[in-house]
C-alpha atoms as a PDB file:
ATOM      1  CA  MET A   1      18.602  44.167  -9.077  1.00  0.00           C
ATOM      2  CA  ALA A   2      17.489  42.038  -6.163  1.00  0.00           C
ATOM      3  CA  ASN A   3      14.301  41.109  -7.980  1.00  0.00           C
ATOM      4  CA  LYS A   4      16.359  40.112 -11.045  1.00  0.00           C
ATOM      5  CA  ASP A   5      18.562  37.769  -8.957  1.00  0.00           C
ATOM      6  CA  LYS A   6      15.493  36.330  -7.249  1.00  0.00           C
ATOM      7  CA  LYS A   7      13.833  35.579 -10.637  1.00  0.00           C
ATOM      8  CA  GLN A   8      17.060  33.933 -11.950  1.00  0.00           C
ATOM      9  CA  LYS A   9      17.243  31.728  -8.821  1.00  0.00           C
ATOM     10  CA  GLU A  10      13.556  30.667  -9.279  1.00  0.00           C
ATOM     11  CA  LYS A  11      14.190  29.929 -12.935  1.00  0.00           C
ATOM     12  CA  LYS A  12      17.179  27.732 -12.099  1.00  0.00           C
ATOM     13  CA  LYS A  13      15.159  25.913  -9.420  1.00  0.00           C
ATOM     14  CA  GLU A  14      12.379  25.252 -11.936  1.00  0.00           C
ATOM     15  CA  SER A  15      14.810  23.916 -14.511  1.00  0.00           C
ATOM     16  CA  LYS A  16      16.385  21.568 -11.960  1.00  0.00           C
ATOM     17  CA  GLU A  17      12.925  20.218 -11.005  1.00  0.00           C
ATOM     18  CA  VAL A  18      12.127  19.588 -14.709  1.00  0.00           C
ATOM     19  CA  ILE A  19      15.447  17.717 -15.153  1.00  0.00           C
ATOM     20  CA  LYS A  20      14.714  15.618 -11.999  1.00  0.00           C
ATOM     21  CA  GLU A  21      11.288  14.663 -13.395  1.00  0.00           C
ATOM     22  CA  ASP A  22      12.868  13.601 -16.671  1.00  0.00           C
ATOM     23  CA  ILE A  23      15.161  11.035 -15.026  1.00  0.00           C
ATOM     24  CA  PRO A  24      13.957   7.510 -15.984  1.00  0.00           C
ATOM     25  CA  GLN A  25      12.568   5.468 -13.114  1.00  0.00           C
ATOM     26  CA  GLU A  26      15.278   2.803 -13.382  1.00  0.00           C
ATOM     27  CA  LEU A  27      17.970   5.540 -12.815  1.00  0.00           C
ATOM     28  CA  LYS A  28      16.363   7.152  -9.769  1.00  0.00           C
ATOM     29  CA  GLU A  29      17.938   6.478  -6.411  1.00  0.00           C
ATOM     30  CA  LYS A  30      16.503   3.466  -4.626  1.00  0.00           C
ATOM     31  CA  MET A  31      14.996   4.010  -1.237  1.00  0.00           C
ATOM     32  CA  PRO A  32      17.461   3.156   1.597  1.00  0.00           C
ATOM     33  CA  SER A  33      16.648  -0.052   3.355  1.00  0.00           C
ATOM     34  CA  ASP A  34      16.946   1.443   6.915  1.00  0.00           C
ATOM     35  CA  PHE A  35      14.456   4.210   6.017  1.00  0.00           C
ATOM     36  CA  TYR A  36      12.091   1.693   4.394  1.00  0.00           C
ATOM     37  CA  GLU A  37      12.166  -0.691   7.341  1.00  0.00           C
ATOM     38  CA  GLY A  38      11.471   2.159   9.809  1.00  0.00           C
ATOM     39  CA  GLU A  39       8.530   3.483   7.814  1.00  0.00           C
ATOM     40  CA  LEU A  40       7.104  -0.010   7.254  1.00  0.00           C
ATOM     41  CA  VAL A  41       7.021  -0.665  10.962  1.00  0.00           C
ATOM     42  CA  LYS A  42       5.071   2.509  11.526  1.00  0.00           C
ATOM     43  CA  LEU A  43       2.605   1.614   8.791  1.00  0.00           C
ATOM     44  CA  GLN A  44       2.182  -1.930  10.145  1.00  0.00           C
ATOM     45  CA  ILE A  45       1.319  -0.542  13.553  1.00  0.00           C
ATOM     46  CA  GLU A  46      -1.389   1.526  11.831  1.00  0.00           C
ATOM     47  CA  LEU A  47      -2.587  -1.561  10.009  1.00  0.00           C
ATOM     48  CA  VAL A  48      -3.134  -3.318  13.366  1.00  0.00           C
ATOM     49  CA  LYS A  49      -5.143  -0.358  14.470  1.00  0.00           C
ATOM     50  CA  LEU A  50      -7.204  -0.482  11.261  1.00  0.00           C
ATOM     51  CA  GLN A  51      -7.794  -4.192  11.759  1.00  0.00           C
ATOM     52  CA  GLU A  52      -9.072  -3.579  15.276  1.00  0.00           C
ATOM     53  CA  TRP A  53     -11.364  -0.857  13.996  1.00  0.00           C
ATOM     54  CA  ILE A  54     -12.723  -3.053  11.257  1.00  0.00           C
ATOM     55  CA  LYS A  55     -13.503  -5.758  13.828  1.00  0.00           C
ATOM     56  CA  HIS A  56     -14.915  -3.249  16.361  1.00  0.00           C
ATOM     57  CA  LYS A  57     -17.292  -1.600  13.835  1.00  0.00           C
ATOM     58  CA  GLY A  58     -18.187  -4.742  11.955  1.00  0.00           C
ATOM     59  CA  LEU A  59     -16.916  -3.312   8.606  1.00  0.00           C
ATOM     60  CA  ARG A  60     -16.603  -5.428   5.490  1.00  0.00           C
ATOM     61  CA  VAL A  61     -13.592  -4.548   3.402  1.00  0.00           C
ATOM     62  CA  VAL A  62     -12.447  -5.948   0.014  1.00  0.00           C
ATOM     63  CA  VAL A  63      -9.093  -5.033  -1.430  1.00  0.00           C
ATOM     64  CA  LEU A  64      -8.219  -6.145  -4.952  1.00  0.00           C
ATOM     65  CA  PHE A  65      -4.639  -6.442  -6.178  1.00  0.00           C
ATOM     66  CA  GLU A  66      -4.127  -6.687  -9.999  1.00  0.00           C
ATOM     67  CA  GLY A  67      -1.258  -5.924 -12.320  1.00  0.00           C
ATOM     68  CA  ARG A  68       1.354  -7.598 -14.561  1.00  0.00           C
ATOM     69  CA  ASP A  69       3.369 -10.603 -13.441  1.00  0.00           C
ATOM     70  CA  ALA A  70       6.207  -9.681 -11.121  1.00  0.00           C
ATOM     71  CA  ALA A  71       4.812  -6.248 -10.452  1.00  0.00           C
ATOM     72  CA  GLY A  72       5.130  -6.689  -6.721  1.00  0.00           C
ATOM     73  CA  LYS A  73       1.538  -7.480  -5.712  1.00  0.00           C
ATOM     74  CA  GLY A  74       2.516 -10.562  -3.576  1.00  0.00           C
ATOM     75  CA  GLY A  75       5.206  -8.693  -1.696  1.00  0.00           C
ATOM     76  CA  THR A  76       2.938  -5.849  -0.796  1.00  0.00           C
ATOM     77  CA  ILE A  77       0.200  -8.238   0.380  1.00  0.00           C
ATOM     78  CA  LYS A  78       2.738  -9.973   2.523  1.00  0.00           C
ATOM     79  CA  ARG A  79       3.788  -6.757   4.231  1.00  0.00           C
ATOM     80  CA  ILE A  80       0.165  -5.833   4.788  1.00  0.00           C
ATOM     81  CA  THR A  81      -0.847  -9.148   6.316  1.00  0.00           C
ATOM     82  CA  GLU A  82       2.288 -10.283   8.266  1.00  0.00           C
ATOM     83  CA  CYS A  83       1.294  -8.484  11.508  1.00  0.00           C
ATOM     84  CA  LEU A  84      -2.417  -8.963  11.129  1.00  0.00           C
ATOM     85  CA  ASN A  85      -4.803 -11.638  12.539  1.00  0.00           C
ATOM     86  CA  PRO A  86      -5.611 -14.081   9.713  1.00  0.00           C
ATOM     87  CA  ARG A  87      -9.101 -14.537  11.187  1.00  0.00           C
ATOM     88  CA  VAL A  88      -9.851 -10.864  10.506  1.00  0.00           C
ATOM     89  CA  CYS A  89      -7.645 -10.302   7.412  1.00  0.00           C
ATOM     90  CA  ARG A  90      -7.363 -13.084   4.930  1.00  0.00           C
ATOM     91  CA  VAL A  91      -5.973 -13.485   1.501  1.00  0.00           C
ATOM     92  CA  VAL A  92      -7.813 -15.151  -1.367  1.00  0.00           C
ATOM     93  CA  ALA A  93      -5.736 -16.380  -4.350  1.00  0.00           C
ATOM     94  CA  LEU A  94      -7.925 -18.633  -6.396  1.00  0.00           C
ATOM     95  CA  GLY A  95      -6.486 -21.138  -8.858  1.00  0.00           C
ATOM     96  CA  ILE A  96      -7.868 -22.339 -12.134  1.00  0.00           C
ATOM     97  CA  PRO A  97     -11.611 -22.834 -12.033  1.00  0.00           C
ATOM     98  CA  THR A  98     -12.912 -26.313 -11.897  1.00  0.00           C
ATOM     99  CA  GLU A  99     -15.187 -27.789 -14.558  1.00  0.00           C
ATOM    100  CA  ARG A 100     -18.172 -27.167 -12.327  1.00  0.00           C
ATOM    101  CA  GLU A 101     -17.117 -23.615 -11.601  1.00  0.00           C
ATOM    102  CA  LYS A 102     -16.778 -22.903 -15.309  1.00  0.00           C
ATOM    103  CA  THR A 103     -20.453 -23.528 -15.711  1.00  0.00           C
ATOM    104  CA  GLN A 104     -21.480 -21.107 -12.862  1.00  0.00           C
ATOM    105  CA  TRP A 105     -22.257 -17.479 -13.036  1.00  0.00           C
ATOM    106  CA  TYR A 106     -18.776 -15.933 -13.522  1.00  0.00           C
ATOM    107  CA  PHE A 107     -18.730 -13.927 -10.295  1.00  0.00           C
ATOM    108  CA  GLN A 108     -20.109 -16.773  -8.201  1.00  0.00           C
ATOM    109  CA  ARG A 109     -16.884 -18.325  -6.987  1.00  0.00           C
ATOM    110  CA  TYR A 110     -15.629 -14.921  -5.845  1.00  0.00           C
ATOM    111  CA  VAL A 111     -18.876 -14.150  -3.953  1.00  0.00           C
ATOM    112  CA  ASP A 112     -18.179 -17.192  -1.735  1.00  0.00           C
ATOM    113  CA  HIS A 113     -15.110 -15.461  -0.432  1.00  0.00           C
ATOM    114  CA  LEU A 114     -16.568 -12.027   0.292  1.00  0.00           C
ATOM    115  CA  PRO A 115     -16.150 -10.832   3.930  1.00  0.00           C
ATOM    116  CA  ALA A 116     -18.583 -11.069   6.825  1.00  0.00           C
ATOM    117  CA  ALA A 117     -18.897  -8.290   9.357  1.00  0.00           C
ATOM    118  CA  GLY A 118     -15.518  -7.479  10.919  1.00  0.00           C
ATOM    119  CA  GLU A 119     -13.439  -8.919   8.151  1.00  0.00           C
ATOM    120  CA  MET A 120     -11.039  -7.677   5.419  1.00  0.00           C
ATOM    121  CA  VAL A 121     -10.479  -9.847   2.391  1.00  0.00           C
ATOM    122  CA  ILE A 122      -7.512  -9.265   0.036  1.00  0.00           C
ATOM    123  CA  PHE A 123      -7.838 -10.723  -3.427  1.00  0.00           C
ATOM    124  CA  ASP A 124      -4.492 -11.602  -4.929  1.00  0.00           C
ATOM    125  CA  ARG A 125      -5.968 -11.425  -8.438  1.00  0.00           C
ATOM    126  CA  SER A 126      -9.709 -11.330  -8.696  1.00  0.00           C
ATOM    127  CA  TRP A 127     -12.648 -11.401 -11.055  1.00  0.00           C
ATOM    128  CA  TYR A 128     -10.550  -9.125 -13.282  1.00  0.00           C
ATOM    129  CA  ASN A 129      -8.755 -12.320 -14.554  1.00  0.00           C
ATOM    130  CA  ARG A 130     -11.384 -12.340 -17.282  1.00  0.00           C
ATOM    131  CA  ALA A 131     -10.347  -8.928 -18.563  1.00  0.00           C
ATOM    132  CA  GLY A 132      -6.683  -9.789 -18.339  1.00  0.00           C
ATOM    133  CA  VAL A 133      -5.116 -13.191 -18.764  1.00  0.00           C
ATOM    134  CA  GLU A 134      -8.383 -14.848 -19.948  1.00  0.00           C
ATOM    135  CA  ARG A 135      -8.810 -12.193 -22.642  1.00  0.00           C
ATOM    136  CA  VAL A 136      -5.196 -12.196 -23.833  1.00  0.00           C
ATOM    137  CA  MET A 137      -4.632 -15.919 -23.727  1.00  0.00           C
ATOM    138  CA  GLU A 138      -8.084 -16.607 -25.255  1.00  0.00           C
ATOM    139  CA  PHE A 139      -9.376 -18.602 -22.295  1.00  0.00           C
ATOM    140  CA  CYS A 140     -12.732 -17.017 -22.686  1.00  0.00           C
ATOM    141  CA  THR A 141     -14.974 -16.238 -25.707  1.00  0.00           C
ATOM    142  CA  ASP A 142     -15.606 -12.748 -26.979  1.00  0.00           C
ATOM    143  CA  ASP A 143     -19.183 -12.914 -25.740  1.00  0.00           C
ATOM    144  CA  GLU A 144     -17.959 -13.861 -22.231  1.00  0.00           C
ATOM    145  CA  TYR A 145     -15.385 -11.046 -22.249  1.00  0.00           C
ATOM    146  CA  TRP A 146     -17.766  -8.278 -23.297  1.00  0.00           C
ATOM    147  CA  ASP A 147     -20.487  -9.608 -20.955  1.00  0.00           C
ATOM    148  CA  PHE A 148     -17.924  -9.242 -18.159  1.00  0.00           C
ATOM    149  CA  LEU A 149     -17.050  -5.630 -18.980  1.00  0.00           C
ATOM    150  CA  ARG A 150     -20.742  -4.698 -19.054  1.00  0.00           C
ATOM    151  CA  SER A 151     -21.635  -6.594 -15.877  1.00  0.00           C
ATOM    152  CA  CYS A 152     -18.579  -5.786 -13.750  1.00  0.00           C
ATOM    153  CA  PRO A 153     -19.528  -2.114 -12.899  1.00  0.00           C
ATOM    154  CA  ASN A 154     -23.021  -3.295 -11.904  1.00  0.00           C
ATOM    155  CA  PHE A 155     -21.622  -6.123  -9.811  1.00  0.00           C
ATOM    156  CA  GLU A 156     -19.278  -3.808  -7.967  1.00  0.00           C
ATOM    157  CA  THR A 157     -22.100  -1.315  -7.465  1.00  0.00           C
ATOM    158  CA  MET A 158     -24.108  -3.983  -5.751  1.00  0.00           C
ATOM    159  CA  LEU A 159     -21.207  -4.806  -3.428  1.00  0.00           C
ATOM    160  CA  ILE A 160     -20.762  -1.154  -2.547  1.00  0.00           C
ATOM    161  CA  ARG A 161     -24.542  -0.612  -1.952  1.00  0.00           C
ATOM    162  CA  SER A 162     -24.547  -3.640   0.307  1.00  0.00           C
ATOM    163  CA  GLY A 163     -22.073  -1.832   2.569  1.00  0.00           C
ATOM    164  CA  ILE A 164     -18.807  -3.390   1.384  1.00  0.00           C
ATOM    165  CA  ILE A 165     -15.784  -1.029   1.168  1.00  0.00           C
ATOM    166  CA  LEU A 166     -14.188  -1.943  -2.210  1.00  0.00           C
ATOM    167  CA  ILE A 167     -10.652  -0.739  -2.962  1.00  0.00           C
ATOM    168  CA  LYS A 168      -8.846  -1.649  -6.257  1.00  0.00           C
ATOM    169  CA  TYR A 169      -5.148  -1.393  -6.868  1.00  0.00           C
ATOM    170  CA  TRP A 170      -3.283  -1.856 -10.197  1.00  0.00           C
ATOM    171  CA  PHE A 171       0.513  -2.404  -9.872  1.00  0.00           C
ATOM    172  CA  SER A 172       2.320  -0.892 -12.852  1.00  0.00           C
ATOM    173  CA  VAL A 173       5.764  -2.177 -13.766  1.00  0.00           C
ATOM    174  CA  SER A 174       7.969  -1.314 -16.742  1.00  0.00           C
ATOM    175  CA  ASP A 175       9.129  -3.854 -19.373  1.00  0.00           C
ATOM    176  CA  MET A 176      12.767  -3.537 -18.200  1.00  0.00           C
ATOM    177  CA  GLU A 177      12.023  -3.986 -14.583  1.00  0.00           C
ATOM    178  CA  GLN A 178       9.763  -6.997 -15.111  1.00  0.00           C
ATOM    179  CA  GLU A 179      12.518  -8.687 -17.155  1.00  0.00           C
ATOM    180  CA  ARG A 180      15.055  -7.999 -14.338  1.00  0.00           C
ATOM    181  CA  ARG A 181      12.721  -9.551 -11.782  1.00  0.00           C
ATOM    182  CA  PHE A 182      12.048 -12.558 -13.998  1.00  0.00           C
ATOM    183  CA  GLN A 183      15.772 -13.141 -14.283  1.00  0.00           C
ATOM    184  CA  GLN A 184      16.136 -12.961 -10.487  1.00  0.00           C
ATOM    185  CA  ARG A 185      13.478 -15.634 -10.139  1.00  0.00           C
ATOM    186  CA  ILE A 186      15.166 -17.881 -12.688  1.00  0.00           C
ATOM    187  CA  GLU A 187      18.510 -17.627 -10.933  1.00  0.00           C
ATOM    188  CA  ASP A 188      17.188 -17.864  -7.343  1.00  0.00           C
ATOM    189  CA  PRO A 189      16.086 -21.410  -6.336  1.00  0.00           C
ATOM    190  CA  THR A 190      13.940 -20.069  -3.538  1.00  0.00           C
ATOM    191  CA  ARG A 191      11.975 -17.930  -6.034  1.00  0.00           C
ATOM    192  CA  ARG A 192      11.951 -20.221  -9.115  1.00  0.00           C
ATOM    193  CA  TRP A 193       8.523 -21.494  -8.234  1.00  0.00           C
ATOM    194  CA  LYS A 194       7.153 -17.953  -8.809  1.00  0.00           C
ATOM    195  CA  ILE A 195       7.762 -18.168 -12.529  1.00  0.00           C
ATOM    196  CA  SER A 196       5.619 -20.347 -14.831  1.00  0.00           C
ATOM    197  CA  GLN A 197       5.091 -21.149 -18.483  1.00  0.00           C
ATOM    198  CA  MET A 198       2.117 -18.751 -18.379  1.00  0.00           C
ATOM    199  CA  ASP A 199       4.488 -15.929 -17.272  1.00  0.00           C
ATOM    200  CA  MET A 200       6.791 -16.676 -20.228  1.00  0.00           C
ATOM    201  CA  ALA A 201       3.871 -16.618 -22.649  1.00  0.00           C
ATOM    202  CA  ALA A 202       2.694 -13.325 -21.144  1.00  0.00           C
ATOM    203  CA  ARG A 203       6.115 -11.756 -21.828  1.00  0.00           C
ATOM    204  CA  THR A 204       5.596 -12.272 -25.566  1.00  0.00           C
ATOM    205  CA  LYS A 205       2.229 -10.551 -25.341  1.00  0.00           C
ATOM    206  CA  TRP A 206       3.225  -7.286 -23.586  1.00  0.00           C
ATOM    207  CA  VAL A 207       1.308  -5.066 -26.066  1.00  0.00           C
ATOM    208  CA  GLU A 208      -1.819  -7.264 -25.907  1.00  0.00           C
ATOM    209  CA  TYR A 209      -1.786  -6.997 -22.111  1.00  0.00           C
ATOM    210  CA  SER A 210      -1.381  -3.241 -22.325  1.00  0.00           C
ATOM    211  CA  LYS A 211      -4.385  -3.012 -24.657  1.00  0.00           C
ATOM    212  CA  ALA A 212      -6.468  -5.312 -22.372  1.00  0.00           C
ATOM    213  CA  LYS A 213      -5.546  -3.208 -19.317  1.00  0.00           C
ATOM    214  CA  ASP A 214      -6.545   0.048 -21.089  1.00  0.00           C
ATOM    215  CA  GLU A 215      -9.806  -1.392 -22.214  1.00  0.00           C
ATOM    216  CA  MET A 216     -10.566  -2.790 -18.762  1.00  0.00           C
ATOM    217  CA  PHE A 217      -9.919   0.668 -17.241  1.00  0.00           C
ATOM    218  CA  ALA A 218     -12.189   2.302 -19.821  1.00  0.00           C
ATOM    219  CA  TYR A 219     -15.113   0.228 -18.560  1.00  0.00           C
ATOM    220  CA  THR A 220     -14.340  -0.298 -14.903  1.00  0.00           C
ATOM    221  CA  ASP A 221     -12.508   2.759 -13.681  1.00  0.00           C
ATOM    222  CA  THR A 222     -15.705   4.438 -12.385  1.00  0.00           C
ATOM    223  CA  LYS A 223     -16.255   7.252  -9.925  1.00  0.00           C
ATOM    224  CA  GLN A 224     -17.962   4.911  -7.516  1.00  0.00           C
ATOM    225  CA  SER A 225     -15.221   2.207  -7.842  1.00  0.00           C
ATOM    226  CA  PRO A 226     -12.063   3.714  -9.216  1.00  0.00           C
ATOM    227  CA  TRP A 227      -8.672   2.032  -9.885  1.00  0.00           C
ATOM    228  CA  TYR A 228      -5.707   3.274  -7.932  1.00  0.00           C
ATOM    229  CA  VAL A 229      -2.446   2.838  -9.859  1.00  0.00           C
ATOM    230  CA  VAL A 230       0.728   2.010  -7.891  1.00  0.00           C
ATOM    231  CA  GLU A 231       4.023   2.795  -9.581  1.00  0.00           C
ATOM    232  CA  ALA A 232       5.916  -0.344  -8.711  1.00  0.00           C
ATOM    233  CA  ASP A 233       9.350  -0.271 -10.359  1.00  0.00           C
ATOM    234  CA  ASP A 234      10.751   0.477  -6.860  1.00  0.00           C
ATOM    235  CA  LYS A 235       9.265  -2.250  -4.650  1.00  0.00           C
ATOM    236  CA  ARG A 236       9.968  -0.405  -1.387  1.00  0.00           C
ATOM    237  CA  ARG A 237       8.269   2.778  -2.488  1.00  0.00           C
ATOM    238  CA  ALA A 238       5.399   0.818  -3.983  1.00  0.00           C
ATOM    239  CA  ARG A 239       4.763  -1.008  -0.707  1.00  0.00           C
ATOM    240  CA  LEU A 240       4.914   2.115   1.427  1.00  0.00           C
ATOM    241  CA  ASN A 241       2.780   4.163  -0.943  1.00  0.00           C
ATOM    242  CA  CYS A 242       0.091   1.468  -1.269  1.00  0.00           C
ATOM    243  CA  ILE A 243      -0.115   0.718   2.481  1.00  0.00           C
ATOM    244  CA  SER A 244      -0.254   4.460   3.251  1.00  0.00           C
ATOM    245  CA  HIS A 245      -3.086   4.930   0.718  1.00  0.00           C
ATOM    246  CA  LEU A 246      -4.981   1.882   2.019  1.00  0.00           C
ATOM    247  CA  LEU A 247      -4.894   3.425   5.488  1.00  0.00           C
ATOM    248  CA  SER A 248      -6.222   6.694   4.131  1.00  0.00           C
ATOM    249  CA  MET A 249      -9.222   5.015   2.572  1.00  0.00           C
ATOM    250  CA  ILE A 250     -10.913   4.046   5.871  1.00  0.00           C
ATOM    251  CA  ALA A 251     -11.446   6.625   8.658  1.00  0.00           C
ATOM    252  CA  TYR A 252     -10.365   4.501  11.647  1.00  0.00           C
ATOM    253  CA  LYS A 253      -9.743   5.354  15.280  1.00  0.00           C
ATOM    254  CA  ASN A 254      -7.943   3.691  18.145  1.00  0.00           C
ATOM    255  CA  VAL A 255     -10.169   1.077  19.757  1.00  0.00           C
ATOM    256  CA  PRO A 256     -10.218   1.310  23.607  1.00  0.00           C
ATOM    257  CA  ARG A 257      -8.380  -1.607  25.237  1.00  0.00           C
ATOM    258  CA  GLU A 258      -8.388  -2.963  28.714  1.00  0.00           C
ATOM    259  CA  LYS A 259      -4.999  -3.155  30.356  1.00  0.00           C
ATOM    260  CA  ILE A 260      -3.581  -6.661  30.054  1.00  0.00           C
ATOM    261  CA  VAL A 261      -2.153  -8.088  33.235  1.00  0.00           C
ATOM    262  CA  LEU A 262      -0.577 -11.582  33.197  1.00  0.00           C
ATOM    263  CA  PRO A 263      -2.015 -13.791  35.950  1.00  0.00           C
ATOM    264  CA  PRO A 264       0.620 -15.689  38.033  1.00  0.00           C
ATOM    265  CA  VAL A 265       1.173 -19.358  37.085  1.00  0.00           C
ATOM    266  CA  LYS A 266      -0.446 -21.710  39.577  1.00  0.00           C
ATOM    267  CA  ARG A 267       1.867 -24.400  40.884  1.00  0.00           C
ATOM    268  CA  ASP A 268       0.780 -27.816  42.043  1.00  0.00           C
ATOM    269  CA  LYS A 269       3.557 -29.522  43.999  1.00  0.00           C
ATOM    270  CA  SER A 270       1.650 -32.764  44.045  1.00  0.00           C
ATOM    271  CA  TYR A 271       1.827 -33.185  40.295  1.00  0.00           C
ATOM    272  CA  VAL A 272       5.001 -34.935  38.985  1.00  0.00           C
ATOM    273  CA  ARG A 273       5.689 -34.594  35.280  1.00  0.00           C
ATOM    274  CA  PRO A 274       7.004 -37.599  33.335  1.00  0.00           C
ATOM    275  CA  PRO A 275      10.781 -37.710  32.636  1.00  0.00           C
ATOM    276  CA  MET A 276      11.970 -35.744  29.621  1.00  0.00           C
ATOM    277  CA  SER A 277      13.953 -38.800  28.501  1.00  0.00           C
ATOM    278  CA  GLU A 278      10.594 -40.322  27.327  1.00  0.00           C
ATOM    279  CA  GLN A 279      10.077 -37.522  24.794  1.00  0.00           C
ATOM    280  CA  THR A 280      11.422 -37.271  21.311  1.00  0.00           C
ATOM    281  CA  PHE A 281      13.143 -34.034  20.560  1.00  0.00           C
ATOM    282  CA  VAL A 282      14.123 -32.335  17.307  1.00  0.00           C
ATOM    283  CA  PRO A 283      17.970 -32.682  16.931  1.00  0.00           C
ATOM    284  CA  GLU A 284      19.744 -29.422  17.780  1.00  0.00           C
ATOM    285  CA  ARG A 285      21.837 -28.966  14.674  1.00  0.00           C
ATOM    286  CA  PHE A 286      22.170 -25.167  14.971  1.00  0.00           C
END
């Protein structure tokens, strides 16, 4: 009888888990802000440790962020970098190529931004523009597109063989959530700059972007250089999950530090500073 009750309890537990998994993402409970903020601080402390390790060991790290518009790439990059030294960790977000750059080897303008020893470079969109927006919006020819898909794995292999640590993230967002975020941007004057005519055109080509992403993965999601997909309908979870994963990709340790002791300020009584009335101050309106 006891075994029968135990089996019934386990069956009920399994059925509850299945039901929980079937709940749409948009209906799942959002992560509480206080929990999110607390975990983010912990992860940012670890990011500082990672930064010091990269500098100490002379590592070269490249992190790519790709995904649909409004998927949350920028917000995640901001949380990664806000506590880091911009001389060690820098963000590269290239604009439209110049006429000269259009005549170069496609990867050339990205190579210029690759890290030196002791640096981490984050690409907010990367050479994968060719497989995404350029393909869908017909900014490149078919020959240029297929040449990219054939060349990209070899290019990334060269980077990895040279000692670069290459990590690629794809931020996945649903149609409903993307629309909600676009509406937020339209209504919020501080975010309106984030939405462009290109974003509006992309909304009408949702299926084409899906096909382009699937084809890109088929060619470039390799064992040596895999894509890591971040479920991004919940921004808070996406940020924490991505940062946590990034930290797990590099085996770092605490770098020994000397104890910092502030020296006393030396005073010179013979020096008389000019009167403050001769300086122009910002008005104190707050």
